[in-house]
Structure formats: structure tokens, C-alpha cells
N, C-alpha and C. Protein backbone atom coordinates (compact mmCIF):
# COMPACT_ATOMS: atom_id res chain seq x y z
N MET A 1 0.85 -1.18 0.00
CA MET A 1 0.00 0.00 0.00
C MET A 1 0.89 1.24 0.00
N ARG A 2 0.62 2.15 -0.89
CA ARG A 2 1.40 3.39 -0.97
C ARG A 2 0.75 4.47 -0.13
N LYS A 3 1.61 5.24 0.49
CA LYS A 3 1.10 6.37 1.26
C LYS A 3 0.86 7.53 0.30
N ALA A 4 -0.21 8.23 0.52
CA ALA A 4 -0.49 9.41 -0.30
C ALA A 4 0.55 10.47 0.01
N GLN A 5 1.08 11.05 -1.02
CA GLN A 5 2.07 12.11 -0.83
C GLN A 5 1.37 13.46 -0.82
N ALA A 6 1.67 14.22 0.19
CA ALA A 6 1.09 15.56 0.29
C ALA A 6 1.79 16.47 -0.71
N LYS A 7 1.02 17.25 -1.38
CA LYS A 7 1.59 18.22 -2.31
C LYS A 7 2.21 19.35 -1.51
N LYS A 8 3.44 19.65 -1.81
CA LYS A 8 4.09 20.77 -1.16
C LYS A 8 3.82 22.02 -1.99
N SER A 9 3.35 23.04 -1.34
CA SER A 9 3.11 24.29 -2.05
C SER A 9 4.01 25.37 -1.46
N ARG A 10 4.45 26.23 -2.33
CA ARG A 10 5.28 27.33 -1.88
C ARG A 10 4.40 28.55 -1.66
N THR A 11 4.69 29.26 -0.63
CA THR A 11 4.00 30.51 -0.37
C THR A 11 4.91 31.65 -0.78
N THR A 12 4.37 32.54 -1.57
CA THR A 12 5.11 33.72 -1.99
C THR A 12 4.53 34.92 -1.27
N ILE A 13 5.39 35.73 -0.72
CA ILE A 13 4.96 36.95 -0.04
C ILE A 13 5.12 38.11 -1.01
N PHE A 14 4.05 38.85 -1.22
CA PHE A 14 4.07 40.04 -2.06
C PHE A 14 3.96 41.27 -1.17
N ARG A 15 4.77 42.26 -1.42
CA ARG A 15 4.67 43.54 -0.70
C ARG A 15 4.20 44.56 -1.73
N LEU A 16 2.98 45.03 -1.57
CA LEU A 16 2.36 45.90 -2.55
C LEU A 16 1.89 47.20 -1.91
N PRO A 17 1.98 48.29 -2.65
CA PRO A 17 1.46 49.55 -2.13
C PRO A 17 -0.07 49.57 -2.22
N VAL A 18 -0.68 50.20 -1.26
CA VAL A 18 -2.12 50.45 -1.32
C VAL A 18 -2.36 51.92 -0.97
N VAL A 19 -3.43 52.44 -1.50
CA VAL A 19 -3.82 53.82 -1.22
C VAL A 19 -5.13 53.77 -0.45
N VAL A 20 -5.15 54.46 0.68
CA VAL A 20 -6.34 54.49 1.52
C VAL A 20 -6.86 55.93 1.55
N GLU A 21 -8.14 56.08 1.22
CA GLU A 21 -8.76 57.40 1.21
C GLU A 21 -9.96 57.39 2.15
N LYS A 22 -10.00 58.38 3.04
CA LYS A 22 -11.14 58.52 3.95
C LYS A 22 -12.24 59.26 3.20
N ASP A 23 -13.47 58.77 3.33
CA ASP A 23 -14.60 59.48 2.76
C ASP A 23 -15.74 59.49 3.77
N ASP A 24 -16.89 59.99 3.37
CA ASP A 24 -18.02 60.13 4.30
C ASP A 24 -18.54 58.79 4.82
N ASP A 25 -18.34 57.72 4.05
CA ASP A 25 -18.87 56.41 4.42
C ASP A 25 -17.85 55.49 5.08
N GLY A 26 -16.63 55.94 5.26
CA GLY A 26 -15.59 55.08 5.83
C GLY A 26 -14.29 55.26 5.08
N TYR A 27 -13.74 54.15 4.61
CA TYR A 27 -12.44 54.19 3.93
C TYR A 27 -12.51 53.41 2.63
N PHE A 28 -11.97 53.99 1.58
CA PHE A 28 -11.84 53.36 0.27
C PHE A 28 -10.37 53.04 0.09
N VAL A 29 -10.06 51.85 -0.39
CA VAL A 29 -8.66 51.44 -0.53
C VAL A 29 -8.48 50.71 -1.86
N TYR A 30 -7.35 50.96 -2.51
CA TYR A 30 -7.06 50.26 -3.76
C TYR A 30 -5.56 50.01 -3.89
N CYS A 31 -5.25 49.05 -4.75
CA CYS A 31 -3.86 48.70 -5.03
C CYS A 31 -3.54 49.17 -6.44
N PRO A 32 -2.72 50.22 -6.59
CA PRO A 32 -2.46 50.77 -7.92
C PRO A 32 -1.71 49.81 -8.85
N ARG A 33 -1.06 48.79 -8.33
CA ARG A 33 -0.32 47.83 -9.17
C ARG A 33 -1.23 46.74 -9.72
N LEU A 34 -2.44 46.60 -9.19
CA LEU A 34 -3.37 45.57 -9.64
C LEU A 34 -4.65 46.25 -10.10
N GLN A 35 -4.76 46.47 -11.38
CA GLN A 35 -5.89 47.21 -11.94
C GLN A 35 -7.21 46.55 -11.54
N GLY A 36 -8.11 47.35 -11.01
CA GLY A 36 -9.42 46.87 -10.61
C GLY A 36 -9.46 46.21 -9.24
N CYS A 37 -8.37 46.28 -8.50
CA CYS A 37 -8.31 45.65 -7.18
C CYS A 37 -8.54 46.72 -6.12
N TYR A 38 -9.74 46.74 -5.57
CA TYR A 38 -10.09 47.77 -4.59
C TYR A 38 -11.06 47.19 -3.57
N SER A 39 -11.24 47.89 -2.47
CA SER A 39 -12.17 47.47 -1.44
C SER A 39 -12.53 48.69 -0.59
N GLN A 40 -13.19 48.43 0.52
CA GLN A 40 -13.59 49.50 1.43
C GLN A 40 -13.76 48.92 2.81
N GLY A 41 -13.97 49.80 3.77
CA GLY A 41 -14.22 49.37 5.14
C GLY A 41 -14.76 50.52 5.95
N ASP A 42 -15.46 50.19 7.02
CA ASP A 42 -15.97 51.22 7.92
C ASP A 42 -14.84 51.88 8.70
N THR A 43 -13.78 51.11 8.97
CA THR A 43 -12.62 51.64 9.68
C THR A 43 -11.38 51.44 8.81
N TYR A 44 -10.30 52.13 9.16
CA TYR A 44 -9.03 51.98 8.45
C TYR A 44 -8.57 50.52 8.50
N GLU A 45 -8.64 49.92 9.68
CA GLU A 45 -8.19 48.54 9.87
C GLU A 45 -9.01 47.57 9.03
N GLU A 46 -10.33 47.79 8.98
CA GLU A 46 -11.19 46.92 8.18
C GLU A 46 -10.87 47.07 6.69
N ALA A 47 -10.62 48.30 6.25
CA ALA A 47 -10.27 48.52 4.85
C ALA A 47 -8.98 47.81 4.48
N ILE A 48 -7.98 47.86 5.36
CA ILE A 48 -6.71 47.18 5.12
C ILE A 48 -6.92 45.66 5.07
N MET A 49 -7.69 45.13 5.99
CA MET A 49 -7.97 43.70 6.00
C MET A 49 -8.68 43.29 4.70
N ASN A 50 -9.64 44.11 4.27
CA ASN A 50 -10.40 43.79 3.07
C ASN A 50 -9.55 43.87 1.80
N ILE A 51 -8.63 44.83 1.72
CA ILE A 51 -7.79 44.92 0.52
C ILE A 51 -6.81 43.75 0.49
N LYS A 52 -6.36 43.30 1.64
CA LYS A 52 -5.49 42.11 1.66
C LYS A 52 -6.22 40.91 1.07
N ASP A 53 -7.49 40.73 1.45
CA ASP A 53 -8.29 39.64 0.88
C ASP A 53 -8.47 39.82 -0.62
N ALA A 54 -8.76 41.05 -1.05
CA ALA A 54 -8.96 41.32 -2.47
C ALA A 54 -7.69 41.05 -3.27
N ILE A 55 -6.54 41.47 -2.74
CA ILE A 55 -5.26 41.23 -3.41
C ILE A 55 -4.99 39.74 -3.50
N HIS A 56 -5.21 39.02 -2.41
CA HIS A 56 -5.00 37.57 -2.41
C HIS A 56 -5.83 36.91 -3.51
N LEU A 57 -7.11 37.23 -3.58
CA LEU A 57 -7.99 36.65 -4.59
C LEU A 57 -7.58 37.05 -6.00
N HIS A 58 -7.18 38.30 -6.17
CA HIS A 58 -6.77 38.81 -7.48
C HIS A 58 -5.55 38.03 -7.99
N ILE A 59 -4.54 37.90 -7.15
CA ILE A 59 -3.31 37.19 -7.56
C ILE A 59 -3.59 35.70 -7.74
N GLU A 60 -4.35 35.11 -6.84
CA GLU A 60 -4.69 33.69 -6.95
C GLU A 60 -5.42 33.41 -8.26
N ASP A 61 -6.34 34.29 -8.64
CA ASP A 61 -7.09 34.13 -9.89
C ASP A 61 -6.16 34.19 -11.10
N ARG A 62 -5.21 35.12 -11.09
CA ARG A 62 -4.25 35.21 -12.20
C ARG A 62 -3.41 33.95 -12.30
N VAL A 63 -2.99 33.41 -11.17
CA VAL A 63 -2.16 32.20 -11.17
C VAL A 63 -2.96 31.02 -11.72
N VAL A 64 -4.19 30.84 -11.23
CA VAL A 64 -5.04 29.74 -11.68
C VAL A 64 -5.29 29.82 -13.19
N ASN A 65 -5.49 31.03 -13.70
CA ASN A 65 -5.76 31.22 -15.12
C ASN A 65 -4.50 31.38 -15.96
N LYS A 66 -3.36 31.16 -15.33
CA LYS A 66 -2.05 31.25 -16.00
C LYS A 66 -1.84 32.60 -16.68
N GLU A 67 -2.32 33.64 -16.03
CA GLU A 67 -2.11 35.01 -16.51
C GLU A 67 -0.85 35.56 -15.85
N PRO A 68 -0.11 36.38 -16.59
CA PRO A 68 1.12 36.92 -15.99
C PRO A 68 0.80 37.91 -14.87
N LEU A 69 1.67 37.94 -13.90
CA LEU A 69 1.54 38.93 -12.82
C LEU A 69 2.26 40.19 -13.26
N PRO A 70 1.70 41.35 -12.93
CA PRO A 70 2.39 42.59 -13.30
C PRO A 70 3.68 42.75 -12.50
N LYS A 71 4.58 43.53 -13.03
CA LYS A 71 5.81 43.82 -12.28
C LYS A 71 5.42 44.70 -11.10
N PHE A 72 5.99 44.41 -9.96
CA PHE A 72 5.63 45.11 -8.74
C PHE A 72 6.65 46.17 -8.37
N GLU A 73 7.08 46.93 -9.36
CA GLU A 73 8.00 48.03 -9.10
C GLU A 73 7.19 49.31 -8.99
N LEU A 74 7.50 50.10 -8.02
CA LEU A 74 6.75 51.33 -7.81
C LEU A 74 7.66 52.38 -7.21
N SER A 75 7.48 53.58 -7.69
CA SER A 75 8.19 54.71 -7.11
C SER A 75 7.14 55.69 -6.60
N LEU A 76 7.24 56.04 -5.36
CA LEU A 76 6.30 56.98 -4.76
C LEU A 76 7.05 58.25 -4.42
N THR A 77 6.53 59.34 -4.89
CA THR A 77 7.16 60.62 -4.62
C THR A 77 6.08 61.69 -4.48
N ALA A 78 6.45 62.82 -3.99
CA ALA A 78 5.53 63.96 -3.89
C ALA A 78 6.01 65.05 -4.83
N VAL A 79 5.08 65.78 -5.37
CA VAL A 79 5.42 66.90 -6.25
C VAL A 79 4.77 68.16 -5.70
N GLU A 80 5.40 69.29 -5.97
CA GLU A 80 4.82 70.57 -5.61
C GLU A 80 4.29 71.23 -6.87
N VAL A 81 3.10 71.79 -6.75
CA VAL A 81 2.48 72.46 -7.89
C VAL A 81 2.03 73.84 -7.43
N ALA A 82 2.51 74.86 -8.10
CA ALA A 82 2.10 76.23 -7.78
C ALA A 82 0.89 76.58 -8.63
N VAL A 83 -0.13 77.11 -7.99
CA VAL A 83 -1.35 77.49 -8.72
C VAL A 83 -1.64 78.95 -8.46
């Protein structure tokens, strides 16, 4: 009798930027590196938890469908604009 072999899976950790905006209804959050990946929450913490779930599902869906993942390079800077 053969023992069933457990499939070993690798976990990849992604570090992605997210933008959190406060509005009248709570917090809106999105990941600029993953087009269409956004969420919301009543609190800042809830919004962060929800975007983590959304990012996980977004990346998992791309992997399952054998779609390429975008490059996760980002430069964040501030600019001054005189008006």
C-alpha cells in the first residue's frame, strides 16, 4: 500500500502599495499595481484587511488562469504644484 504524498506548495509573499482614502462612508482602498483591485471598510483597519483579501484573490485568480503577474516596481514621490 502506498502512502499518499502531500503536495508541497510554496507561499510567496508580495509587498504591494495600497492607497487608503477617507470618505463620508468610511475608507476606500485600492492597489495601484493591480488594476481593478479595490475594497472598502468602515474603519481603516477593516479597509486594510479587506484589501489584503482582495489582493489575495486577485493574484490567486491570475495564477489559476495562468495570466502573468504585473511587475511590482513602484516609485512613490511627492510633487509641488504652484497654482
